[in-house]
Amino acid sequence: MILVNTDNIEGKKIAKTLGLVKGNTIRAKWIGKDIIAGLRQLVGGELKEYTEMLTEARKQATERMIKEAESIGADAIINIRFTTSQIMQNAAEILVYGTAVKLK
């Protein structure tokens, strides 16, 4: 599966647009990680616990989008975009979406 955030793929020709595909997940860290992140926030620096959480969430959301694209026979997904929304305190939704296409 080819994944790009552009509207074309260099050297490839799009034969058919199959439509929008997406994947999402909602994640929250357990209370122990929240406490550690809260303490780190007081002294400054990267909140590694949340960086890790969002990295895992993006990976899972992308895998779900790819699975949806494969189920409709796509060879690639173009115009991929990510969005993040806070669902509740300390929980975020990661949504990834793009256009599934069939290549020549």
PDB file of N, CA and C in Angstrom:
ATOM      1  N   MET A   1       0.852  -1.179   0.000  1.00  0.00           N
ATOM      2  CA  MET A   1       0.000   0.000   0.000  1.00  0.00           C
ATOM      3  C   MET A   1       0.891   1.232   0.000  1.00  0.00           C
ATOM      4  N   ILE A   2       0.655   2.123  -0.945  1.00  0.00           N
ATOM      5  CA  ILE A   2       1.393   3.385  -1.009  1.00  0.00           C
ATOM      6  C   ILE A   2       0.593   4.436  -0.248  1.00  0.00           C
ATOM      7  N   LEU A   3       1.257   5.154   0.647  1.00  0.00           N
ATOM      8  CA  LEU A   3       0.623   6.203   1.456  1.00  0.00           C
ATOM      9  C   LEU A   3       1.333   7.521   1.200  1.00  0.00           C
ATOM     10  N   VAL A   4       0.585   8.550   0.786  1.00  0.00           N
ATOM     11  CA  VAL A   4       1.181   9.863   0.556  1.00  0.00           C
ATOM     12  C   VAL A   4       0.234  10.959   1.039  1.00  0.00           C
ATOM     13  N   ASN A   5       0.811  12.110   1.350  1.00  0.00           N
ATOM     14  CA  ASN A   5      -0.025  13.240   1.733  1.00  0.00           C
ATOM     15  C   ASN A   5      -0.139  14.253   0.602  1.00  0.00           C
ATOM     16  N   THR A   6       0.163  13.805  -0.614  1.00  0.00           N
ATOM     17  CA  THR A   6       0.019  14.628  -1.820  1.00  0.00           C
ATOM     18  C   THR A   6      -1.172  14.134  -2.628  1.00  0.00           C
ATOM     19  N   ASP A   7      -1.539  14.897  -3.657  1.00  0.00           N
ATOM     20  CA  ASP A   7      -2.695  14.489  -4.451  1.00  0.00           C
ATOM     21  C   ASP A   7      -2.327  13.631  -5.656  1.00  0.00           C
ATOM     22  N   ASN A   8      -1.051  13.273  -5.771  1.00  0.00           N
ATOM     23  CA  ASN A   8      -0.631  12.345  -6.812  1.00  0.00           C
ATOM     24  C   ASN A   8       0.587  11.572  -6.314  1.00  0.00           C
ATOM     25  N   ILE A   9       0.965  10.557  -7.078  1.00  0.00           N
ATOM     26  CA  ILE A   9       2.125   9.743  -6.741  1.00  0.00           C
ATOM     27  C   ILE A   9       3.052   9.798  -7.944  1.00  0.00           C
ATOM     28  N   GLU A  10       4.221  10.365  -7.752  1.00  0.00           N
ATOM     29  CA  GLU A  10       5.156  10.528  -8.853  1.00  0.00           C
ATOM     30  C   GLU A  10       5.450   9.179  -9.511  1.00  0.00           C
ATOM     31  N   GLY A  11       5.339   9.159 -10.829  1.00  0.00           N
ATOM     32  CA  GLY A  11       5.611   7.949 -11.583  1.00  0.00           C
ATOM     33  C   GLY A  11       4.449   6.980 -11.663  1.00  0.00           C
ATOM     34  N   LYS A  12       3.341   7.312 -11.024  1.00  0.00           N
ATOM     35  CA  LYS A  12       2.155   6.446 -11.038  1.00  0.00           C
ATOM     36  C   LYS A  12       0.964   7.233 -11.587  1.00  0.00           C
ATOM     37  N   LYS A  13       0.042   6.514 -12.185  1.00  0.00           N
ATOM     38  CA  LYS A  13      -1.166   7.140 -12.701  1.00  0.00           C
ATOM     39  C   LYS A  13      -2.379   6.560 -11.970  1.00  0.00           C
ATOM     40  N   ILE A  14      -3.258   7.428 -11.541  1.00  0.00           N
ATOM     41  CA  ILE A  14      -4.467   6.997 -10.838  1.00  0.00           C
ATOM     42  C   ILE A  14      -5.507   6.567 -11.864  1.00  0.00           C
ATOM     43  N   ALA A  15      -5.949   5.321 -11.753  1.00  0.00           N
ATOM     44  CA  ALA A  15      -6.951   4.791 -12.669  1.00  0.00           C
ATOM     45  C   ALA A  15      -8.367   5.083 -12.185  1.00  0.00           C
ATOM     46  N   LYS A  16      -8.550   5.046 -10.856  1.00  0.00           N
ATOM     47  CA  LYS A  16      -9.897   5.209 -10.300  1.00  0.00           C
ATOM     48  C   LYS A  16      -9.805   5.699  -8.866  1.00  0.00           C
ATOM     49  N   THR A  17     -10.668   6.640  -8.531  1.00  0.00           N
ATOM     50  CA  THR A  17     -10.800   7.095  -7.153  1.00  0.00           C
ATOM     51  C   THR A  17     -11.873   6.248  -6.491  1.00  0.00           C
ATOM     52  N   LEU A  18     -11.526   5.610  -5.390  1.00  0.00           N
ATOM     53  CA  LEU A  18     -12.451   4.704  -4.709  1.00  0.00           C
ATOM     54  C   LEU A  18     -13.212   5.365  -3.572  1.00  0.00           C
ATOM     55  N   GLY A  19     -12.700   6.482  -3.074  1.00  0.00           N
ATOM     56  CA  GLY A  19     -13.412   7.211  -2.037  1.00  0.00           C
ATOM     57  C   GLY A  19     -12.620   7.399  -0.762  1.00  0.00           C
ATOM     58  N   LEU A  20     -13.277   8.031   0.189  1.00  0.00           N
ATOM     59  CA  LEU A  20     -12.683   8.358   1.475  1.00  0.00           C
ATOM     60  C   LEU A  20     -12.499   7.103   2.325  1.00  0.00           C
ATOM     61  N   VAL A  21     -11.323   6.988   2.935  1.00  0.00           N
ATOM     62  CA  VAL A  21     -11.076   5.933   3.914  1.00  0.00           C
ATOM     63  C   VAL A  21     -10.541   6.596   5.173  1.00  0.00           C
ATOM     64  N   LYS A  22     -10.780   5.962   6.305  1.00  0.00           N
ATOM     65  CA  LYS A  22     -10.383   6.577   7.564  1.00  0.00           C
ATOM     66  C   LYS A  22     -10.088   5.501   8.602  1.00  0.00           C
ATOM     67  N   GLY A  23      -9.395   5.936   9.624  1.00  0.00           N
ATOM     68  CA  GLY A  23      -9.132   5.083  10.780  1.00  0.00           C
ATOM     69  C   GLY A  23      -9.043   5.992  11.988  1.00  0.00           C
ATOM     70  N   ASN A  24      -9.478   5.499  13.122  1.00  0.00           N
ATOM     71  CA  ASN A  24      -9.390   6.319  14.336  1.00  0.00           C
ATOM     72  C   ASN A  24      -9.203   5.449  15.560  1.00  0.00           C
ATOM     73  N   THR A  25      -8.800   6.103  16.629  1.00  0.00           N
ATOM     74  CA  THR A  25      -8.678   5.462  17.927  1.00  0.00           C
ATOM     75  C   THR A  25      -8.768   6.549  18.993  1.00  0.00           C
ATOM     76  N   ILE A  26      -9.211   6.175  20.156  1.00  0.00           N
ATOM     77  CA  ILE A  26      -9.259   7.095  21.299  1.00  0.00           C
ATOM     78  C   ILE A  26      -8.359   6.497  22.368  1.00  0.00           C
ATOM     79  N   ARG A  27      -7.442   7.300  22.869  1.00  0.00           N
ATOM     80  CA  ARG A  27      -6.466   6.809  23.823  1.00  0.00           C
ATOM     81  C   ARG A  27      -6.400   7.670  25.075  1.00  0.00           C
ATOM     82  N   ALA A  28      -6.070   7.020  26.175  1.00  0.00           N
ATOM     83  CA  ALA A  28      -5.802   7.712  27.440  1.00  0.00           C
ATOM     84  C   ALA A  28      -4.702   6.942  28.145  1.00  0.00           C
ATOM     85  N   LYS A  29      -3.864   7.631  28.863  1.00  0.00           N
ATOM     86  CA  LYS A  29      -2.813   6.990  29.650  1.00  0.00           C
ATOM     87  C   LYS A  29      -3.357   6.662  31.038  1.00  0.00           C
ATOM     88  N   TRP A  30      -2.806   5.649  31.647  1.00  0.00           N
ATOM     89  CA  TRP A  30      -3.246   5.285  32.990  1.00  0.00           C
ATOM     90  C   TRP A  30      -2.720   6.299  34.000  1.00  0.00           C
ATOM     91  N   ILE A  31      -3.325   6.321  35.136  1.00  0.00           N
ATOM     92  CA  ILE A  31      -3.104   7.356  36.153  1.00  0.00           C
ATOM     93  C   ILE A  31      -1.629   7.518  36.536  1.00  0.00           C
ATOM     94  N   GLY A  32      -0.868   6.436  36.589  1.00  0.00           N
ATOM     95  CA  GLY A  32       0.555   6.530  36.938  1.00  0.00           C
ATOM     96  C   GLY A  32       1.322   7.381  35.941  1.00  0.00           C
ATOM     97  N   LYS A  33       1.041   7.185  34.668  1.00  0.00           N
ATOM     98  CA  LYS A  33       1.703   7.985  33.631  1.00  0.00           C
ATOM     99  C   LYS A  33       1.227   9.429  33.688  1.00  0.00           C
ATOM    100  N   ASP A  34      -0.043   9.646  34.022  1.00  0.00           N
ATOM    101  CA  ASP A  34      -0.554  11.010  34.152  1.00  0.00           C
ATOM    102  C   ASP A  34       0.171  11.760  35.268  1.00  0.00           C
ATOM    103  N   ILE A  35       0.432  11.080  36.382  1.00  0.00           N
ATOM    104  CA  ILE A  35       1.132  11.708  37.507  1.00  0.00           C
ATOM    105  C   ILE A  35       2.554  12.084  37.095  1.00  0.00           C
ATOM    106  N   ILE A  36       3.236  11.165  36.432  1.00  0.00           N
ATOM    107  CA  ILE A  36       4.608  11.435  35.978  1.00  0.00           C
ATOM    108  C   ILE A  36       4.621  12.608  35.003  1.00  0.00           C
ATOM    109  N   ALA A  37       3.694  12.613  34.058  1.00  0.00           N
ATOM    110  CA  ALA A  37       3.621  13.707  33.085  1.00  0.00           C
ATOM    111  C   ALA A  37       3.305  15.023  33.786  1.00  0.00           C
ATOM    112  N   GLY A  38       2.438  14.993  34.788  1.00  0.00           N
ATOM    113  CA  GLY A  38       2.098  16.199  35.539  1.00  0.00           C
ATOM    114  C   GLY A  38       3.299  16.778  36.262  1.00  0.00           C
ATOM    115  N   LEU A  39       4.106  15.913  36.844  1.00  0.00           N
ATOM    116  CA  LEU A  39       5.324  16.371  37.521  1.00  0.00           C
ATOM    117  C   LEU A  39       6.320  16.946  36.518  1.00  0.00           C
ATOM    118  N   ARG A  40       6.447  16.295  35.380  1.00  0.00           N
ATOM    119  CA  ARG A  40       7.377  16.773  34.356  1.00  0.00           C
ATOM    120  C   ARG A  40       6.930  18.134  33.824  1.00  0.00           C
ATOM    121  N   GLN A  41       5.624  18.345  33.770  1.00  0.00           N
ATOM    122  CA  GLN A  41       5.087  19.611  33.287  1.00  0.00           C
ATOM    123  C   GLN A  41       5.520  20.762  34.199  1.00  0.00           C
ATOM    124  N   LEU A  42       5.676  20.493  35.481  1.00  0.00           N
ATOM    125  CA  LEU A  42       6.096  21.524  36.431  1.00  0.00           C
ATOM    126  C   LEU A  42       7.527  21.995  36.182  1.00  0.00           C
ATOM    127  N   VAL A  43       8.393  21.085  35.768  1.00  0.00           N
ATOM    128  CA  VAL A  43       9.800  21.440  35.569  1.00  0.00           C
ATOM    129  C   VAL A  43      10.150  21.688  34.114  1.00  0.00           C
ATOM    130  N   GLY A  44       9.239  21.399  33.227  1.00  0.00           N
ATOM    131  CA  GLY A  44       9.469  21.628  31.799  1.00  0.00           C
ATOM    132  C   GLY A  44      10.043  20.398  31.109  1.00  0.00           C
ATOM    133  N   GLY A  45      10.014  20.439  29.814  1.00  0.00           N
ATOM    134  CA  GLY A  45      10.546  19.341  29.013  1.00  0.00           C
ATOM    135  C   GLY A  45       9.446  18.573  28.315  1.00  0.00           C
ATOM    136  N   GLU A  46       9.873  17.641  27.499  1.00  0.00           N
ATOM    137  CA  GLU A  46       8.936  16.842  26.721  1.00  0.00           C
ATOM    138  C   GLU A  46       8.125  15.926  27.632  1.00  0.00           C
ATOM    139  N   LEU A  47       6.845  15.838  27.373  1.00  0.00           N
ATOM    140  CA  LEU A  47       5.971  14.912  28.102  1.00  0.00           C
ATOM    141  C   LEU A  47       5.996  13.582  27.343  1.00  0.00           C
ATOM    142  N   LYS A  48       7.030  12.806  27.598  1.00  0.00           N
ATOM    143  CA  LYS A  48       7.295  11.589  26.826  1.00  0.00           C
ATOM    144  C   LYS A  48       6.144  10.594  26.884  1.00  0.00           C
ATOM    145  N   GLU A  49       5.453  10.559  28.013  1.00  0.00           N
ATOM    146  CA  GLU A  49       4.330   9.629  28.158  1.00  0.00           C
ATOM    147  C   GLU A  49       3.240   9.930  27.141  1.00  0.00           C
ATOM    148  N   TYR A  50       2.998  11.199  26.883  1.00  0.00           N
ATOM    149  CA  TYR A  50       1.972  11.583  25.916  1.00  0.00           C
ATOM    150  C   TYR A  50       2.486  11.477  24.488  1.00  0.00           C
ATOM    151  N   THR A  51       3.757  11.744  24.273  1.00  0.00           N
ATOM    152  CA  THR A  51       4.348  11.544  22.952  1.00  0.00           C
ATOM    153  C   THR A  51       4.208  10.085  22.544  1.00  0.00           C
ATOM    154  N   GLU A  52       4.523   9.191  23.468  1.00  0.00           N
ATOM    155  CA  GLU A  52       4.407   7.751  23.217  1.00  0.00           C
ATOM    156  C   GLU A  52       2.958   7.364  22.925  1.00  0.00           C
ATOM    157  N   MET A  53       2.029   7.890  23.723  1.00  0.00           N
ATOM    158  CA  MET A  53       0.620   7.572  23.537  1.00  0.00           C
ATOM    159  C   MET A  53       0.136   7.996  22.150  1.00  0.00           C
ATOM    160  N   LEU A  54       0.486   9.210  21.741  1.00  0.00           N
ATOM    161  CA  LEU A  54       0.019   9.712  20.449  1.00  0.00           C
ATOM    162  C   LEU A  54       0.695   8.994  19.290  1.00  0.00           C
ATOM    163  N   THR A  55       1.949   8.616  19.442  1.00  0.00           N
ATOM    164  CA  THR A  55       2.635   7.848  18.404  1.00  0.00           C
ATOM    165  C   THR A  55       1.952   6.503  18.195  1.00  0.00           C
ATOM    166  N   GLU A  56       1.646   5.820  19.293  1.00  0.00           N
ATOM    167  CA  GLU A  56       0.935   4.536  19.213  1.00  0.00           C
ATOM    168  C   GLU A  56      -0.448   4.713  18.583  1.00  0.00           C
ATOM    169  N   ALA A  57      -1.128   5.781  18.962  1.00  0.00           N
ATOM    170  CA  ALA A  57      -2.472   6.032  18.443  1.00  0.00           C
ATOM    171  C   ALA A  57      -2.438   6.306  16.942  1.00  0.00           C
ATOM    172  N   ARG A  58      -1.474   7.103  16.476  1.00  0.00           N
ATOM    173  CA  ARG A  58      -1.359   7.370  15.036  1.00  0.00           C
ATOM    174  C   ARG A  58      -1.096   6.093  14.265  1.00  0.00           C
ATOM    175  N   LYS A  59      -0.239   5.230  14.816  1.00  0.00           N
ATOM    176  CA  LYS A  59       0.066   3.962  14.150  1.00  0.00           C
ATOM    177  C   LYS A  59      -1.187   3.094  14.035  1.00  0.00           C
ATOM    178  N   GLN A  60      -1.934   2.972  15.121  1.00  0.00           N
ATOM    179  CA  GLN A  60      -3.133   2.142  15.094  1.00  0.00           C
ATOM    180  C   GLN A  60      -4.188   2.722  14.155  1.00  0.00           C
ATOM    181  N   ALA A  61      -4.383   4.026  14.192  1.00  0.00           N
ATOM    182  CA  ALA A  61      -5.365   4.661  13.308  1.00  0.00           C
ATOM    183  C   ALA A  61      -4.981   4.452  11.844  1.00  0.00           C
ATOM    184  N   THR A  62      -3.684   4.568  11.536  1.00  0.00           N
ATOM    185  CA  THR A  62      -3.213   4.364  10.162  1.00  0.00           C
ATOM    186  C   THR A  62      -3.449   2.927   9.724  1.00  0.00           C
ATOM    187  N   GLU A  63      -3.169   1.974  10.592  1.00  0.00           N
ATOM    188  CA  GLU A  63      -3.409   0.562  10.268  1.00  0.00           C
ATOM    189  C   GLU A  63      -4.891   0.315   9.970  1.00  0.00           C
ATOM    190  N   ARG A  64      -5.769   0.954  10.719  1.00  0.00           N
ATOM    191  CA  ARG A  64      -7.208   0.788  10.493  1.00  0.00           C
ATOM    192  C   ARG A  64      -7.624   1.412   9.157  1.00  0.00           C
ATOM    193  N   MET A  65      -7.031   2.553   8.811  1.00  0.00           N
ATOM    194  CA  MET A  65      -7.331   3.185   7.522  1.00  0.00           C
ATOM    195  C   MET A  65      -6.862   2.288   6.367  1.00  0.00           C
ATOM    196  N   ILE A  66      -5.667   1.737   6.501  1.00  0.00           N
ATOM    197  CA  ILE A  66      -5.142   0.849   5.459  1.00  0.00           C
ATOM    198  C   ILE A  66      -6.038  -0.372   5.287  1.00  0.00           C
ATOM    199  N   LYS A  67      -6.487  -0.953   6.377  1.00  0.00           N
ATOM    200  CA  LYS A  67      -7.376  -2.124   6.318  1.00  0.00           C
ATOM    201  C   LYS A  67      -8.664  -1.782   5.561  1.00  0.00           C
ATOM    202  N   GLU A  68      -9.226  -0.602   5.834  1.00  0.00           N
ATOM    203  CA  GLU A  68     -10.436  -0.186   5.128  1.00  0.00           C
ATOM    204  C   GLU A  68     -10.153  -0.021   3.634  1.00  0.00           C
ATOM    205  N   ALA A  69      -9.007   0.582   3.291  1.00  0.00           N
ATOM    206  CA  ALA A  69      -8.649   0.780   1.884  1.00  0.00           C
ATOM    207  C   ALA A  69      -8.449  -0.563   1.173  1.00  0.00           C
ATOM    208  N   GLU A  70      -7.779  -1.493   1.841  1.00  0.00           N
ATOM    209  CA  GLU A  70      -7.567  -2.812   1.247  1.00  0.00           C
ATOM    210  C   GLU A  70      -8.895  -3.533   1.010  1.00  0.00           C
ATOM    211  N   SER A  71      -9.858  -3.318   1.899  1.00  0.00           N
ATOM    212  CA  SER A  71     -11.156  -4.009   1.759  1.00  0.00           C
ATOM    213  C   SER A  71     -11.931  -3.544   0.529  1.00  0.00           C
ATOM    214  N   ILE A  72     -11.597  -2.387  -0.016  1.00  0.00           N
ATOM    215  CA  ILE A  72     -12.276  -1.907  -1.229  1.00  0.00           C
ATOM    216  C   ILE A  72     -11.359  -1.988  -2.458  1.00  0.00           C
ATOM    217  N   GLY A  73     -10.214  -2.657  -2.306  1.00  0.00           N
ATOM    218  CA  GLY A  73      -9.332  -2.921  -3.435  1.00  0.00           C
ATOM    219  C   GLY A  73      -8.375  -1.808  -3.800  1.00  0.00           C
ATOM    220  N   ALA A  74      -8.058  -0.922  -2.884  1.00  0.00           N
ATOM    221  CA  ALA A  74      -7.156   0.198  -3.170  1.00  0.00           C
ATOM    222  C   ALA A  74      -5.705  -0.259  -3.265  1.00  0.00           C
ATOM    223  N   ASP A  75      -4.955   0.437  -4.109  1.00  0.00           N
ATOM    224  CA  ASP A  75      -3.505   0.237  -4.217  1.00  0.00           C
ATOM    225  C   ASP A  75      -2.745   1.295  -3.435  1.00  0.00           C
ATOM    226  N   ALA A  76      -3.417   2.431  -3.188  1.00  0.00           N
ATOM    227  CA  ALA A  76      -2.750   3.553  -2.528  1.00  0.00           C
ATOM    228  C   ALA A  76      -3.795   4.434  -1.843  1.00  0.00           C
ATOM    229  N   ILE A  77      -3.287   5.270  -0.931  1.00  0.00           N
ATOM    230  CA  ILE A  77      -4.119   6.284  -0.292  1.00  0.00           C
ATOM    231  C   ILE A  77      -3.386   7.614  -0.462  1.00  0.00           C
ATOM    232  N   ILE A  78      -4.084   8.584  -1.034  1.00  0.00           N
ATOM    233  CA  ILE A  78      -3.487   9.898  -1.271  1.00  0.00           C
ATOM    234  C   ILE A  78      -4.153  10.938  -0.368  1.00  0.00           C
ATOM    235  N   ASN A  79      -3.529  12.106  -0.296  1.00  0.00           N
ATOM    236  CA  ASN A  79      -4.057  13.225   0.507  1.00  0.00           C
ATOM    237  C   ASN A  79      -4.313  12.840   1.966  1.00  0.00           C
ATOM    238  N   ILE A  80      -3.405  12.101   2.557  1.00  0.00           N
ATOM    239  CA  ILE A  80      -3.585  11.648   3.937  1.00  0.00           C
ATOM    240  C   ILE A  80      -3.432  12.821   4.904  1.00  0.00           C
ATOM    241  N   ARG A  81      -4.337  12.892   5.853  1.00  0.00           N
ATOM    242  CA  ARG A  81      -4.324  13.937   6.881  1.00  0.00           C
ATOM    243  C   ARG A  81      -4.612  13.307   8.234  1.00  0.00           C
ATOM    244  N   PHE A  82      -4.029  13.897   9.270  1.00  0.00           N
ATOM    245  CA  PHE A  82      -4.272  13.489  10.659  1.00  0.00           C
ATOM    246  C   PHE A  82      -4.961  14.639  11.387  1.00  0.00           C
ATOM    247  N   THR A  83      -5.817  14.284  12.310  1.00  0.00           N
ATOM    248  CA  THR A  83      -6.414  15.280  13.192  1.00  0.00           C
ATOM    249  C   THR A  83      -6.510  14.679  14.587  1.00  0.00           C
ATOM    250  N   THR A  84      -6.405  15.540  15.574  1.00  0.00           N
ATOM    251  CA  THR A  84      -6.479  15.117  16.973  1.00  0.00           C
ATOM    252  C   THR A  84      -7.531  15.949  17.681  1.00  0.00           C
ATOM    253  N   SER A  85      -8.350  15.298  18.480  1.00  0.00           N
ATOM    254  CA  SER A  85      -9.378  15.999  19.256  1.00  0.00           C
ATOM    255  C   SER A  85      -9.356  15.498  20.686  1.00  0.00           C
ATOM    256  N   GLN A  86      -9.526  16.411  21.619  1.00  0.00           N
ATOM    257  CA  GLN A  86      -9.648  15.995  23.014  1.00  0.00           C
ATOM    258  C   GLN A  86     -11.087  15.538  23.231  1.00  0.00           C
ATOM    259  N   ILE A  87     -11.245  14.328  23.710  1.00  0.00           N
ATOM    260  CA  ILE A  87     -12.570  13.752  23.953  1.00  0.00           C
ATOM    261  C   ILE A  87     -13.026  14.055  25.373  1.00  0.00           C
ATOM    262  N   MET A  88     -12.109  13.904  26.297  1.00  0.00           N
ATOM    263  CA  MET A  88     -12.335  14.211  27.702  1.00  0.00           C
ATOM    264  C   MET A  88     -10.966  14.504  28.297  1.00  0.00           C
ATOM    265  N   GLN A  89     -10.904  14.908  29.536  1.00  0.00           N
ATOM    266  CA  GLN A  89      -9.614  15.195  30.144  1.00  0.00           C
ATOM    267  C   GLN A  89      -8.714  13.962  30.060  1.00  0.00           C
ATOM    268  N   ASN A  90      -7.516  14.148  29.519  1.00  0.00           N
ATOM    269  CA  ASN A  90      -6.504  13.102  29.389  1.00  0.00           C
ATOM    270  C   ASN A  90      -6.863  11.991  28.399  1.00  0.00           C
ATOM    271  N   ALA A  91      -7.791  12.238  27.485  1.00  0.00           N
ATOM    272  CA  ALA A  91      -8.110  11.268  26.433  1.00  0.00           C
ATOM    273  C   ALA A  91      -8.235  12.014  25.115  1.00  0.00           C
ATOM    274  N   ALA A  92      -7.622  11.453  24.079  1.00  0.00           N
ATOM    275  CA  ALA A  92      -7.631  12.104  22.774  1.00  0.00           C
ATOM    276  C   ALA A  92      -8.014  11.109  21.689  1.00  0.00           C
ATOM    277  N   GLU A  93      -8.715  11.615  20.687  1.00  0.00           N
ATOM    278  CA  GLU A  93      -9.010  10.825  19.497  1.00  0.00           C
ATOM    279  C   GLU A  93      -8.024  11.226  18.415  1.00  0.00           C
ATOM    280  N   ILE A  94      -7.470  10.242  17.755  1.00  0.00           N
ATOM    281  CA  ILE A  94      -6.644  10.454  16.580  1.00  0.00           C
ATOM    282  C   ILE A  94      -7.451   9.931  15.398  1.00  0.00           C
ATOM    283  N   LEU A  95      -7.627  10.767  14.404  1.00  0.00           N
ATOM    284  CA  LEU A  95      -8.324  10.385  13.177  1.00  0.00           C
ATOM    285  C   LEU A  95      -7.377  10.606  12.020  1.00  0.00           C
ATOM    286  N   VAL A  96      -7.242   9.609  11.163  1.00  0.00           N
ATOM    287  CA  VAL A  96      -6.462   9.744   9.933  1.00  0.00           C
ATOM    288  C   VAL A  96      -7.402   9.415   8.778  1.00  0.00           C
ATOM    289  N   TYR A  97      -7.304  10.188   7.715  1.00  0.00           N
ATOM    290  CA  TYR A  97      -8.178   9.969   6.578  1.00  0.00           C
ATOM    291  C   TYR A  97      -7.456  10.325   5.278  1.00  0.00           C
ATOM    292  N   GLY A  98      -7.943   9.764   4.202  1.00  0.00           N
ATOM    293  CA  GLY A  98      -7.357  10.024   2.892  1.00  0.00           C
ATOM    294  C   GLY A  98      -8.264   9.482   1.814  1.00  0.00           C
ATOM    295  N   THR A  99      -7.808   9.592   0.587  1.00  0.00           N
ATOM    296  CA  THR A  99      -8.574   9.130  -0.560  1.00  0.00           C
ATOM    297  C   THR A  99      -7.959   7.833  -1.089  1.00  0.00           C
ATOM    298  N   ALA A 100      -8.747   6.779  -1.104  1.00  0.00           N
ATOM    299  CA  ALA A 100      -8.292   5.485  -1.618  1.00  0.00           C
ATOM    300  C   ALA A 100      -8.367   5.522  -3.141  1.00  0.00           C
ATOM    301  N   VAL A 101      -7.308   5.022  -3.787  1.00  0.00           N
ATOM    302  CA  VAL A 101      -7.261   5.016  -5.242  1.00  0.00           C
ATOM    303  C   VAL A 101      -6.760   3.677  -5.767  1.00  0.00           C
ATOM    304  N   LYS A 102      -7.127   3.403  -7.002  1.00  0.00           N
ATOM    305  CA  LYS A 102      -6.631   2.258  -7.740  1.00  0.00           C
ATOM    306  C   LYS A 102      -5.650   2.806  -8.758  1.00  0.00           C
ATOM    307  N   LEU A 103      -4.471   2.219  -8.844  1.00  0.00           N
ATOM    308  CA  LEU A 103      -3.441   2.693  -9.772  1.00  0.00           C
ATOM    309  C   LEU A 103      -3.461   1.878 -11.072  1.00  0.00           C
ATOM    310  N   LYS A 104      -2.980   2.523 -12.149  1.00  0.00           N
ATOM    311  CA  LYS A 104      -2.850   1.809 -13.439  1.00  0.00           C
ATOM    312  C   LYS A 104      -1.621   0.940 -13.392  1.00  0.00           C
TER     313      LYS A 104
END
